[in-house]
Amino acid sequence: MKFAVNLLEQFQNKFLIMNKKEQYELLVRQAASLADGETDLIANMANISSLLHFAMGFWWTGFYLVREGLLVLGPYQGPLACTRIGYGKGVCGSAWKASETIVVEDVEKFPGHIACSSESRSEIVVPIFKRSSEKKEILGVLDIDSRDLATFDSIDKEYLEKIVELLG
C-alpha cells in the first residue's frame, strides 16, 4: 500500500502532461499495486474508485454489485447515486445483461437511461467478471460518468477493462 501511495505522489505532476493512454498505463500499475495482497472486494473497489476519480477528474466513479437480482450501489466517488438498478435497466443494467462494456457518448440518447444526476452527459459501464467462474458470471459493474459529451472512447474501454480484471 505504501508503494502505491508513493507511486501516486511521484507521478502526480507528470500525469497531467501524459496522453490518455499513458495515464491509463500508469493507473493500471497503480490499481494493481493497490489490489496486491488485498483480498477484500469492497476495499479494492473503494481504492480503485478513488484512484480513477481523482486522477481522471470524472464526475461520478463507482461500482454496483450484483445482489439478489439487482445492481446495488457499492463504493464510489461523486454526488449521490441511485442505490438499486434492475437487470437490463439503464446503462448499468444493460451492460450487466449484455455482459460487455457499454460506452455512451450522450446519455440523453440512450433508451431507458436512468438519470441519477442531471449533470451526467456521457458514461461508460464495465462489467466485472468472476475469475474462477467457468461461465461469465458478473460480480458487478464499474460505472463512470462525465459532465462532458463523448468523454469515453476505445482507450477508456481497453484500460478500464484491465483495471476491473484486478477485482474478479
N, C-alpha and C. Protein backbone atom coordinates (compact mmCIF):
# COMPACT_ATOMS: atom_id res chain seq x y z
N MET A 1 0.83 -1.19 0.00
CA MET A 1 0.00 0.00 0.00
C MET A 1 0.87 1.25 0.00
N LYS A 2 1.94 1.22 0.80
CA LYS A 2 2.83 2.36 0.87
C LYS A 2 3.45 2.64 -0.50
N PHE A 3 3.78 1.57 -1.23
CA PHE A 3 4.33 1.71 -2.57
C PHE A 3 3.35 2.44 -3.48
N ALA A 4 2.07 2.09 -3.39
CA ALA A 4 1.05 2.70 -4.24
C ALA A 4 0.93 4.19 -3.96
N VAL A 5 0.94 4.57 -2.69
CA VAL A 5 0.83 5.98 -2.32
C VAL A 5 2.05 6.75 -2.82
N ASN A 6 3.25 6.18 -2.63
CA ASN A 6 4.46 6.84 -3.10
C ASN A 6 4.48 6.95 -4.62
N LEU A 7 4.03 5.91 -5.29
CA LEU A 7 3.98 5.93 -6.76
C LEU A 7 3.05 7.02 -7.25
N LEU A 8 1.90 7.15 -6.59
CA LEU A 8 0.94 8.18 -6.97
C LEU A 8 1.54 9.57 -6.80
N GLU A 9 2.18 9.83 -5.67
CA GLU A 9 2.80 11.14 -5.43
C GLU A 9 3.92 11.41 -6.41
N GLN A 10 4.71 10.40 -6.70
CA GLN A 10 5.85 10.55 -7.58
C GLN A 10 5.45 10.98 -8.99
N PHE A 11 4.34 10.44 -9.48
CA PHE A 11 3.94 10.72 -10.86
C PHE A 11 2.84 11.76 -11.00
N GLN A 12 2.38 12.33 -9.90
CA GLN A 12 1.26 13.26 -9.94
C GLN A 12 1.49 14.43 -10.90
N ASN A 13 2.63 15.07 -10.83
CA ASN A 13 2.91 16.21 -11.71
C ASN A 13 3.09 15.79 -13.16
N LYS A 14 3.74 14.65 -13.39
CA LYS A 14 3.94 14.15 -14.75
C LYS A 14 2.64 13.70 -15.38
N PHE A 15 1.70 13.26 -14.56
CA PHE A 15 0.44 12.72 -15.03
C PHE A 15 -0.30 13.71 -15.92
N LEU A 16 -0.27 14.97 -15.54
CA LEU A 16 -1.02 16.00 -16.26
C LEU A 16 -0.53 16.22 -17.68
N ILE A 17 0.74 15.92 -17.96
CA ILE A 17 1.25 16.14 -19.31
C ILE A 17 1.25 14.87 -20.15
N MET A 18 0.83 13.75 -19.57
CA MET A 18 0.76 12.49 -20.31
C MET A 18 -0.49 12.47 -21.20
N ASN A 19 -0.42 11.68 -22.27
CA ASN A 19 -1.64 11.48 -23.05
C ASN A 19 -2.51 10.45 -22.33
N LYS A 20 -3.74 10.26 -22.80
CA LYS A 20 -4.69 9.39 -22.12
C LYS A 20 -4.18 7.96 -21.97
N LYS A 21 -3.57 7.42 -23.01
CA LYS A 21 -3.07 6.05 -22.96
C LYS A 21 -1.97 5.93 -21.89
N GLU A 22 -1.07 6.87 -21.85
CA GLU A 22 0.00 6.86 -20.85
C GLU A 22 -0.58 6.98 -19.44
N GLN A 23 -1.60 7.83 -19.28
CA GLN A 23 -2.25 7.97 -17.98
C GLN A 23 -2.84 6.64 -17.53
N TYR A 24 -3.54 5.98 -18.43
CA TYR A 24 -4.15 4.70 -18.08
C TYR A 24 -3.10 3.62 -17.80
N GLU A 25 -2.01 3.61 -18.54
CA GLU A 25 -0.96 2.63 -18.27
C GLU A 25 -0.44 2.78 -16.85
N LEU A 26 -0.28 4.02 -16.41
CA LEU A 26 0.14 4.28 -15.04
C LEU A 26 -0.96 3.87 -14.05
N LEU A 27 -2.20 4.18 -14.37
CA LEU A 27 -3.30 3.84 -13.47
C LEU A 27 -3.47 2.34 -13.31
N VAL A 28 -3.24 1.57 -14.37
CA VAL A 28 -3.32 0.11 -14.27
C VAL A 28 -2.26 -0.38 -13.28
N ARG A 29 -1.05 0.15 -13.37
CA ARG A 29 0.01 -0.25 -12.43
C ARG A 29 -0.34 0.15 -11.00
N GLN A 30 -0.88 1.35 -10.84
CA GLN A 30 -1.25 1.81 -9.51
C GLN A 30 -2.39 0.97 -8.93
N ALA A 31 -3.38 0.67 -9.75
CA ALA A 31 -4.51 -0.15 -9.28
C ALA A 31 -4.03 -1.55 -8.90
N ALA A 32 -3.12 -2.10 -9.69
CA ALA A 32 -2.57 -3.42 -9.38
C ALA A 32 -1.82 -3.38 -8.05
N SER A 33 -1.09 -2.31 -7.81
CA SER A 33 -0.35 -2.17 -6.56
C SER A 33 -1.32 -2.04 -5.38
N LEU A 34 -2.40 -1.29 -5.57
CA LEU A 34 -3.38 -1.14 -4.50
C LEU A 34 -4.06 -2.47 -4.17
N ALA A 35 -4.34 -3.27 -5.20
CA ALA A 35 -5.06 -4.53 -5.00
C ALA A 35 -4.14 -5.67 -4.58
N ASP A 36 -2.84 -5.50 -4.77
CA ASP A 36 -1.90 -6.57 -4.46
C ASP A 36 -1.95 -6.94 -2.98
N GLY A 37 -2.30 -8.18 -2.72
CA GLY A 37 -2.35 -8.66 -1.35
C GLY A 37 -3.64 -8.36 -0.61
N GLU A 38 -4.50 -7.56 -1.20
CA GLU A 38 -5.78 -7.24 -0.56
C GLU A 38 -6.86 -8.13 -1.16
N THR A 39 -7.49 -8.94 -0.35
CA THR A 39 -8.49 -9.89 -0.85
C THR A 39 -9.92 -9.39 -0.72
N ASP A 40 -10.14 -8.29 -0.03
CA ASP A 40 -11.49 -7.79 0.16
C ASP A 40 -11.94 -6.97 -1.05
N LEU A 41 -13.01 -7.44 -1.68
CA LEU A 41 -13.53 -6.80 -2.89
C LEU A 41 -13.93 -5.35 -2.64
N ILE A 42 -14.62 -5.09 -1.54
CA ILE A 42 -15.10 -3.73 -1.24
C ILE A 42 -13.93 -2.78 -1.01
N ALA A 43 -12.92 -3.22 -0.29
CA ALA A 43 -11.74 -2.38 -0.05
C ALA A 43 -11.06 -2.03 -1.37
N ASN A 44 -10.91 -3.02 -2.24
CA ASN A 44 -10.29 -2.75 -3.54
C ASN A 44 -11.14 -1.82 -4.39
N MET A 45 -12.44 -2.01 -4.38
CA MET A 45 -13.33 -1.13 -5.14
C MET A 45 -13.25 0.31 -4.63
N ALA A 46 -13.19 0.46 -3.31
CA ALA A 46 -13.11 1.80 -2.73
C ALA A 46 -11.84 2.52 -3.19
N ASN A 47 -10.71 1.84 -3.11
CA ASN A 47 -9.46 2.47 -3.51
C ASN A 47 -9.40 2.73 -5.02
N ILE A 48 -9.88 1.79 -5.81
CA ILE A 48 -9.82 1.96 -7.26
C ILE A 48 -10.78 3.06 -7.72
N SER A 49 -11.95 3.16 -7.11
CA SER A 49 -12.86 4.25 -7.50
C SER A 49 -12.24 5.60 -7.17
N SER A 50 -11.58 5.70 -6.04
CA SER A 50 -10.92 6.95 -5.66
C SER A 50 -9.76 7.27 -6.61
N LEU A 51 -8.94 6.26 -6.89
CA LEU A 51 -7.81 6.44 -7.80
C LEU A 51 -8.27 6.98 -9.15
N LEU A 52 -9.24 6.32 -9.75
CA LEU A 52 -9.74 6.74 -11.07
C LEU A 52 -10.39 8.11 -11.03
N HIS A 53 -11.21 8.33 -10.02
CA HIS A 53 -11.97 9.57 -9.91
C HIS A 53 -11.06 10.80 -9.84
N PHE A 54 -10.10 10.72 -8.94
CA PHE A 54 -9.26 11.89 -8.73
C PHE A 54 -8.18 12.04 -9.79
N ALA A 55 -7.68 10.94 -10.32
CA ALA A 55 -6.65 11.03 -11.36
C ALA A 55 -7.24 11.56 -12.67
N MET A 56 -8.44 11.08 -13.02
CA MET A 56 -9.01 11.42 -14.32
C MET A 56 -10.03 12.57 -14.25
N GLY A 57 -10.45 12.95 -13.08
CA GLY A 57 -11.37 14.07 -12.95
C GLY A 57 -12.78 13.76 -13.43
N PHE A 58 -13.23 12.52 -13.27
CA PHE A 58 -14.57 12.16 -13.70
C PHE A 58 -15.63 12.77 -12.78
N TRP A 59 -16.87 12.85 -13.25
CA TRP A 59 -17.99 13.39 -12.47
C TRP A 59 -18.44 12.39 -11.41
N TRP A 60 -18.58 11.13 -11.80
CA TRP A 60 -19.01 10.08 -10.87
C TRP A 60 -18.26 8.81 -11.23
N THR A 61 -17.68 8.16 -10.23
CA THR A 61 -16.88 6.96 -10.46
C THR A 61 -17.21 5.97 -9.36
N GLY A 62 -17.76 4.82 -9.75
CA GLY A 62 -18.08 3.87 -8.70
C GLY A 62 -18.52 2.52 -9.20
N PHE A 63 -18.94 1.72 -8.25
CA PHE A 63 -19.28 0.33 -8.50
C PHE A 63 -20.70 0.03 -8.06
N TYR A 64 -21.30 -0.89 -8.79
CA TYR A 64 -22.55 -1.53 -8.39
C TYR A 64 -22.27 -3.02 -8.31
N LEU A 65 -22.81 -3.66 -7.28
CA LEU A 65 -22.60 -5.09 -7.05
C LEU A 65 -23.89 -5.86 -7.29
N VAL A 66 -23.77 -7.02 -7.90
CA VAL A 66 -24.94 -7.87 -8.10
C VAL A 66 -25.35 -8.45 -6.75
N ARG A 67 -26.57 -8.15 -6.34
CA ARG A 67 -27.12 -8.63 -5.08
C ARG A 67 -28.60 -8.97 -5.28
N GLU A 68 -28.94 -10.24 -5.14
CA GLU A 68 -30.33 -10.69 -5.20
C GLU A 68 -31.07 -10.16 -6.43
N GLY A 69 -30.46 -10.30 -7.60
CA GLY A 69 -31.10 -9.93 -8.85
C GLY A 69 -31.12 -8.45 -9.19
N LEU A 70 -30.36 -7.66 -8.45
CA LEU A 70 -30.26 -6.22 -8.70
C LEU A 70 -28.81 -5.78 -8.64
N LEU A 71 -28.53 -4.64 -9.24
CA LEU A 71 -27.24 -3.98 -9.02
C LEU A 71 -27.44 -3.04 -7.84
N VAL A 72 -26.63 -3.22 -6.80
CA VAL A 72 -26.74 -2.42 -5.59
C VAL A 72 -25.50 -1.54 -5.47
N LEU A 73 -25.71 -0.29 -5.12
CA LEU A 73 -24.63 0.68 -5.01
C LEU A 73 -23.52 0.19 -4.10
N GLY A 74 -22.29 0.31 -4.60
CA GLY A 74 -21.10 -0.03 -3.83
C GLY A 74 -20.24 1.20 -3.64
N PRO A 75 -18.96 1.02 -3.41
CA PRO A 75 -18.05 2.16 -3.20
C PRO A 75 -18.04 3.09 -4.42
N TYR A 76 -18.03 4.39 -4.14
CA TYR A 76 -17.99 5.35 -5.24
C TYR A 76 -17.44 6.69 -4.77
N GLN A 77 -17.15 7.54 -5.75
CA GLN A 77 -16.74 8.92 -5.54
C GLN A 77 -17.65 9.79 -6.39
N GLY A 78 -18.17 10.87 -5.82
CA GLY A 78 -19.03 11.77 -6.58
C GLY A 78 -20.30 12.08 -5.82
N PRO A 79 -21.26 12.72 -6.52
CA PRO A 79 -22.52 13.08 -5.87
C PRO A 79 -23.39 11.84 -5.58
N LEU A 80 -24.47 12.06 -4.87
CA LEU A 80 -25.38 10.97 -4.53
C LEU A 80 -25.76 10.17 -5.77
N ALA A 81 -26.07 8.89 -5.54
CA ALA A 81 -26.31 7.99 -6.68
C ALA A 81 -27.57 7.16 -6.47
N CYS A 82 -28.02 6.57 -7.54
CA CYS A 82 -29.11 5.60 -7.47
C CYS A 82 -28.60 4.41 -6.66
N THR A 83 -29.44 3.83 -5.83
CA THR A 83 -28.97 2.75 -4.97
C THR A 83 -29.23 1.36 -5.54
N ARG A 84 -30.26 1.20 -6.37
CA ARG A 84 -30.56 -0.11 -6.94
C ARG A 84 -30.97 0.05 -8.40
N ILE A 85 -30.42 -0.83 -9.23
CA ILE A 85 -30.70 -0.79 -10.67
C ILE A 85 -31.06 -2.20 -11.12
N GLY A 86 -32.14 -2.32 -11.86
CA GLY A 86 -32.60 -3.61 -12.33
C GLY A 86 -31.81 -4.15 -13.50
N TYR A 87 -31.89 -5.46 -13.67
CA TYR A 87 -31.25 -6.17 -14.79
C TYR A 87 -31.80 -5.63 -16.10
N GLY A 88 -30.91 -5.17 -16.98
CA GLY A 88 -31.33 -4.64 -18.27
C GLY A 88 -31.82 -3.20 -18.23
N LYS A 89 -31.78 -2.55 -17.07
CA LYS A 89 -32.27 -1.17 -16.94
C LYS A 89 -31.11 -0.18 -16.96
N GLY A 90 -31.30 0.91 -17.68
CA GLY A 90 -30.27 1.93 -17.77
C GLY A 90 -28.99 1.40 -18.39
N VAL A 91 -27.94 2.17 -18.35
CA VAL A 91 -26.67 1.75 -18.93
C VAL A 91 -26.05 0.63 -18.09
N CYS A 92 -26.11 0.76 -16.77
CA CYS A 92 -25.51 -0.26 -15.90
C CYS A 92 -26.19 -1.60 -16.07
N GLY A 93 -27.51 -1.61 -15.98
CA GLY A 93 -28.25 -2.86 -16.13
C GLY A 93 -28.12 -3.46 -17.52
N SER A 94 -27.97 -2.60 -18.54
CA SER A 94 -27.78 -3.07 -19.91
C SER A 94 -26.41 -3.71 -20.10
N ALA A 95 -25.38 -3.13 -19.49
CA ALA A 95 -24.03 -3.72 -19.57
C ALA A 95 -24.01 -5.06 -18.84
N TRP A 96 -24.72 -5.14 -17.73
CA TRP A 96 -24.83 -6.40 -16.98
C TRP A 96 -25.51 -7.45 -17.84
N LYS A 97 -26.62 -7.09 -18.46
CA LYS A 97 -27.38 -8.03 -19.30
C LYS A 97 -26.57 -8.48 -20.52
N ALA A 98 -25.89 -7.55 -21.17
CA ALA A 98 -25.12 -7.85 -22.38
C ALA A 98 -23.78 -8.51 -22.07
N SER A 99 -23.34 -8.45 -20.81
CA SER A 99 -22.03 -8.96 -20.41
C SER A 99 -20.91 -8.32 -21.21
N GLU A 100 -21.04 -7.03 -21.45
CA GLU A 100 -19.99 -6.30 -22.18
C GLU A 100 -20.00 -4.83 -21.81
N THR A 101 -18.87 -4.20 -22.05
CA THR A 101 -18.72 -2.77 -21.78
C THR A 101 -19.61 -1.97 -22.72
N ILE A 102 -20.26 -0.97 -22.17
CA ILE A 102 -21.08 -0.06 -22.97
C ILE A 102 -20.52 1.36 -22.81
N VAL A 103 -20.28 2.01 -23.94
CA VAL A 103 -19.83 3.40 -23.98
C VAL A 103 -20.97 4.23 -24.55
N VAL A 104 -21.37 5.27 -23.83
CA VAL A 104 -22.47 6.12 -24.25
C VAL A 104 -21.95 7.55 -24.41
N GLU A 105 -21.97 8.05 -25.64
CA GLU A 105 -21.48 9.40 -25.92
C GLU A 105 -22.42 10.48 -25.37
N ASP A 106 -23.72 10.22 -25.42
CA ASP A 106 -24.73 11.18 -24.96
C ASP A 106 -25.82 10.40 -24.24
N VAL A 107 -25.86 10.50 -22.92
CA VAL A 107 -26.81 9.70 -22.14
C VAL A 107 -28.26 10.02 -22.46
N GLU A 108 -28.52 11.22 -22.95
CA GLU A 108 -29.89 11.59 -23.29
C GLU A 108 -30.40 10.82 -24.50
N LYS A 109 -29.49 10.25 -25.27
CA LYS A 109 -29.88 9.47 -26.45
C LYS A 109 -29.90 7.97 -26.17
N PHE A 110 -29.60 7.56 -24.94
CA PHE A 110 -29.60 6.15 -24.59
C PHE A 110 -31.00 5.76 -24.12
N PRO A 111 -31.64 4.83 -24.81
CA PRO A 111 -33.00 4.43 -24.42
C PRO A 111 -33.04 3.86 -23.00
N GLY A 112 -33.88 4.44 -22.17
CA GLY A 112 -34.03 3.96 -20.81
C GLY A 112 -32.96 4.42 -19.84
N HIS A 113 -32.20 5.44 -20.23
CA HIS A 113 -31.15 5.94 -19.34
C HIS A 113 -31.75 6.35 -18.00
N ILE A 114 -31.09 5.97 -16.92
CA ILE A 114 -31.52 6.34 -15.58
C ILE A 114 -30.71 7.56 -15.16
N ALA A 115 -31.38 8.67 -14.99
CA ALA A 115 -30.69 9.93 -14.66
C ALA A 115 -30.54 10.08 -13.15
N CYS A 116 -29.46 9.53 -12.62
CA CYS A 116 -29.18 9.72 -11.19
C CYS A 116 -28.73 11.16 -10.94
N SER A 117 -28.10 11.77 -11.94
CA SER A 117 -27.69 13.17 -11.86
C SER A 117 -27.94 13.82 -13.22
N SER A 118 -28.57 14.96 -13.20
CA SER A 118 -28.84 15.67 -14.44
C SER A 118 -27.57 16.23 -15.07
N GLU A 119 -26.47 16.24 -14.31
CA GLU A 119 -25.21 16.77 -14.85
C GLU A 119 -24.41 15.74 -15.64
N SER A 120 -24.81 14.49 -15.55
CA SER A 120 -24.12 13.44 -16.31
C SER A 120 -24.47 13.56 -17.78
N ARG A 121 -23.44 13.56 -18.64
CA ARG A 121 -23.66 13.72 -20.09
C ARG A 121 -23.20 12.51 -20.90
N SER A 122 -22.12 11.85 -20.45
CA SER A 122 -21.65 10.64 -21.12
C SER A 122 -21.26 9.63 -20.05
N GLU A 123 -21.16 8.35 -20.47
CA GLU A 123 -20.99 7.29 -19.47
C GLU A 123 -20.30 6.08 -20.09
N ILE A 124 -19.58 5.37 -19.24
CA ILE A 124 -19.02 4.06 -19.60
C ILE A 124 -19.31 3.11 -18.45
N VAL A 125 -19.74 1.90 -18.78
CA VAL A 125 -20.00 0.88 -17.77
C VAL A 125 -19.27 -0.39 -18.18
N VAL A 126 -18.47 -0.91 -17.25
CA VAL A 126 -17.61 -2.07 -17.50
C VAL A 126 -18.00 -3.20 -16.54
N PRO A 127 -18.44 -4.35 -17.07
CA PRO A 127 -18.77 -5.47 -16.19
C PRO A 127 -17.52 -6.05 -15.51
N ILE A 128 -17.72 -6.56 -14.30
CA ILE A 128 -16.66 -7.23 -13.56
C ILE A 128 -17.00 -8.71 -13.53
N PHE A 129 -16.17 -9.51 -14.17
CA PHE A 129 -16.40 -10.95 -14.26
C PHE A 129 -15.66 -11.67 -13.15
N LYS A 130 -16.32 -12.66 -12.58
CA LYS A 130 -15.70 -13.50 -11.57
C LYS A 130 -14.65 -14.37 -12.25
N ARG A 131 -13.41 -14.30 -11.79
CA ARG A 131 -12.30 -15.02 -12.42
C ARG A 131 -12.47 -16.53 -12.39
N SER A 132 -12.90 -17.07 -11.28
CA SER A 132 -12.94 -18.51 -11.12
C SER A 132 -14.18 -19.16 -11.74
N SER A 133 -15.03 -18.38 -12.33
CA SER A 133 -16.26 -18.90 -12.89
C SER A 133 -16.05 -19.42 -14.30
N GLU A 134 -16.58 -20.64 -14.59
CA GLU A 134 -16.49 -21.19 -15.94
C GLU A 134 -17.40 -20.42 -16.89
N LYS A 135 -18.59 -20.05 -16.42
CA LYS A 135 -19.46 -19.21 -17.23
C LYS A 135 -19.12 -17.75 -16.90
N LYS A 136 -19.62 -16.85 -17.70
CA LYS A 136 -19.32 -15.43 -17.49
C LYS A 136 -20.20 -14.86 -16.38
N GLU A 137 -19.87 -15.21 -15.14
CA GLU A 137 -20.64 -14.69 -14.00
C GLU A 137 -20.17 -13.27 -13.69
N ILE A 138 -21.12 -12.37 -13.56
CA ILE A 138 -20.80 -10.97 -13.30
C ILE A 138 -20.99 -10.66 -11.82
N LEU A 139 -19.93 -10.09 -11.22
CA LEU A 139 -19.96 -9.69 -9.81
C LEU A 139 -20.59 -8.31 -9.64
N GLY A 140 -20.42 -7.47 -10.65
CA GLY A 140 -20.89 -6.10 -10.58
C GLY A 140 -20.41 -5.34 -11.80
N VAL A 141 -20.50 -4.02 -11.72
CA VAL A 141 -20.04 -3.17 -12.82
C VAL A 141 -19.31 -1.96 -12.26
N LEU A 142 -18.38 -1.46 -13.06
CA LEU A 142 -17.75 -0.16 -12.83
C LEU A 142 -18.52 0.83 -13.69
N ASP A 143 -19.02 1.88 -13.07
CA ASP A 143 -19.80 2.90 -13.76
C ASP A 143 -19.08 4.24 -13.62
N ILE A 144 -18.82 4.89 -14.75
CA ILE A 144 -18.17 6.20 -14.71
C ILE A 144 -18.97 7.16 -15.57
N ASP A 145 -19.26 8.33 -14.99
CA ASP A 145 -20.00 9.38 -15.69
C ASP A 145 -19.12 10.62 -15.85
N SER A 146 -19.39 11.34 -16.93
CA SER A 146 -18.70 12.60 -17.19
C SER A 146 -19.73 13.70 -17.40
N ARG A 147 -19.36 14.91 -17.08
CA ARG A 147 -20.23 16.06 -17.34
C ARG A 147 -20.14 16.51 -18.79
N ASP A 148 -19.19 15.95 -19.54
CA ASP A 148 -18.99 16.33 -20.94
C ASP A 148 -19.50 15.24 -21.87
N LEU A 149 -19.94 15.63 -23.05
CA LEU A 149 -20.36 14.68 -24.07
C LEU A 149 -19.14 13.95 -24.62
N ALA A 150 -19.34 12.70 -25.02
CA ALA A 150 -18.34 11.90 -25.74
C ALA A 150 -16.97 11.87 -25.04
N THR A 151 -16.98 11.71 -23.75
CA THR A 151 -15.73 11.65 -22.98
C THR A 151 -14.99 10.35 -23.21
N PHE A 152 -15.73 9.26 -23.34
CA PHE A 152 -15.13 7.93 -23.32
C PHE A 152 -14.97 7.34 -24.72
N ASP A 153 -13.88 6.59 -24.88
CA ASP A 153 -13.57 6.01 -26.19
C ASP A 153 -12.96 4.62 -26.01
N SER A 154 -12.36 4.11 -27.07
CA SER A 154 -11.78 2.76 -27.03
C SER A 154 -10.61 2.66 -26.06
N ILE A 155 -9.90 3.75 -25.83
CA ILE A 155 -8.79 3.73 -24.87
C ILE A 155 -9.34 3.54 -23.46
N ASP A 156 -10.39 4.29 -23.10
CA ASP A 156 -11.01 4.12 -21.79
C ASP A 156 -11.49 2.68 -21.64
N LYS A 157 -12.17 2.17 -22.65
CA LYS A 157 -12.71 0.81 -22.61
C LYS A 157 -11.59 -0.21 -22.37
N GLU A 158 -10.53 -0.13 -23.15
CA GLU A 158 -9.43 -1.09 -23.04
C GLU A 158 -8.82 -1.09 -21.64
N TYR A 159 -8.51 0.08 -21.13
CA TYR A 159 -7.79 0.15 -19.85
C TYR A 159 -8.69 -0.04 -18.64
N LEU A 160 -9.93 0.41 -18.73
CA LEU A 160 -10.84 0.17 -17.61
C LEU A 160 -11.17 -1.33 -17.51
N GLU A 161 -11.24 -2.02 -18.63
CA GLU A 161 -11.43 -3.47 -18.59
C GLU A 161 -10.24 -4.15 -17.92
N LYS A 162 -9.03 -3.66 -18.16
CA LYS A 162 -7.84 -4.21 -17.49
C LYS A 162 -7.91 -3.96 -15.99
N ILE A 163 -8.37 -2.80 -15.61
CA ILE A 163 -8.43 -2.47 -14.19
C ILE A 163 -9.47 -3.32 -13.47
N VAL A 164 -10.65 -3.54 -14.07
CA VAL A 164 -11.65 -4.34 -13.37
C VAL A 164 -11.26 -5.82 -13.31
N GLU A 165 -10.39 -6.26 -14.19
CA GLU A 165 -9.88 -7.65 -14.12
C GLU A 165 -9.17 -7.90 -12.79
N LEU A 166 -8.65 -6.85 -12.18
CA LEU A 166 -7.96 -6.98 -10.90
C LEU A 166 -8.93 -7.32 -9.77
N LEU A 167 -10.22 -7.12 -10.01
CA LEU A 167 -11.23 -7.28 -8.96
C LEU A 167 -11.92 -8.65 -8.99
N GLY A 168 -11.91 -9.34 -10.12
CA GLY A 168 -12.71 -10.54 -10.32
C GLY A 168 -12.36 -11.71 -9.47
